[in-house]
């Protein structure tokens, strides 16, 4: 549960930061390319940041790696 919490919190932090940085990011709709570009960018950055954290959290308790 701790690994999921850290992973989700990191993804949300990155997503909110991207929305804050990109001009008018909160005004676009799902039918506009900027929405998908911003989503892909934020998920890509979040993935790069969360993988090492998740690996560390799992390495602390190898039992969780089997579930």
Protein backbone atom coordinates (compact mmCIF):
# COMPACT_ATOMS: atom_id res chain seq x y z
CA UNK A 1 0.00 0.00 0.00
CA UNK A 2 2.85 2.39 0.75
CA UNK A 3 4.34 1.83 -2.71
CA UNK A 4 1.03 2.64 -4.39
CA UNK A 5 0.60 5.75 -2.25
CA UNK A 6 4.04 7.09 -3.15
CA UNK A 7 3.54 6.24 -6.83
CA UNK A 8 0.12 7.86 -7.08
CA UNK A 9 1.19 10.94 -5.12
CA UNK A 10 4.19 11.41 -7.42
CA UNK A 11 2.06 11.05 -10.55
CA UNK A 12 -0.49 13.54 -9.25
CA UNK A 13 2.24 16.00 -8.29
CA UNK A 14 3.80 15.81 -11.76
CA UNK A 15 0.41 16.06 -13.49
CA UNK A 16 -0.58 19.13 -11.46
CA UNK A 17 2.81 20.74 -12.08
CA UNK A 18 2.48 20.21 -15.85
CA UNK A 19 -1.03 21.68 -15.77
CA UNK A 20 0.33 24.68 -13.88
CA UNK A 21 3.26 25.20 -16.30
CA UNK A 22 1.42 24.73 -19.62
CA UNK A 23 -0.59 27.86 -20.46
CA UNK A 24 -4.38 27.31 -20.42
CA UNK A 25 -3.94 23.60 -19.69
CA UNK A 26 -7.11 23.56 -17.61
CA UNK A 27 -9.17 25.04 -20.44
CA UNK A 28 -8.53 22.36 -23.07
CA UNK A 29 -10.89 19.45 -23.69
CA UNK A 30 -10.15 15.80 -24.44
CA UNK A 31 -10.77 16.45 -28.14
CA UNK A 32 -7.81 18.83 -28.39
CA UNK A 33 -4.25 17.61 -29.08
CA UNK A 34 -2.79 19.74 -26.26
CA UNK A 35 -4.75 17.68 -23.73
CA UNK A 36 -3.18 14.44 -24.98
CA UNK A 37 0.27 16.00 -25.34
CA UNK A 38 0.16 17.25 -21.76
CA UNK A 39 -1.12 13.91 -20.49
CA UNK A 40 1.61 11.97 -22.32
CA UNK A 41 4.26 14.38 -21.05
CA UNK A 42 3.12 14.21 -17.43
CA UNK A 43 2.76 10.41 -17.44
CA UNK A 44 6.17 10.01 -19.07
CA UNK A 45 7.86 12.20 -16.46
CA UNK A 46 5.94 10.52 -13.65
CA UNK A 47 6.98 7.09 -14.89
CA UNK A 48 10.66 8.06 -14.89
CA UNK A 49 10.36 9.45 -11.36
CA UNK A 50 8.28 6.66 -9.82
CA UNK A 51 10.10 3.58 -11.13
CA UNK A 52 13.20 4.06 -8.91
CA UNK A 53 10.99 4.88 -5.92
CA UNK A 54 8.87 1.77 -6.48
CA UNK A 55 11.95 -0.42 -6.93
CA UNK A 56 13.37 0.90 -3.65
CA UNK A 57 10.12 0.35 -1.79
CA UNK A 58 9.80 -3.22 -3.11
CA UNK A 59 13.45 -4.01 -2.33
CA UNK A 60 12.85 -3.15 1.32
CA UNK A 61 10.38 -6.03 1.55
CA UNK A 62 10.91 -8.68 -1.18
CA UNK A 63 7.68 -10.45 -0.17
CA UNK A 64 5.70 -7.72 -2.00
CA UNK A 65 7.43 -8.43 -5.31
CA UNK A 66 5.58 -11.75 -5.61
CA UNK A 67 2.05 -10.30 -5.55
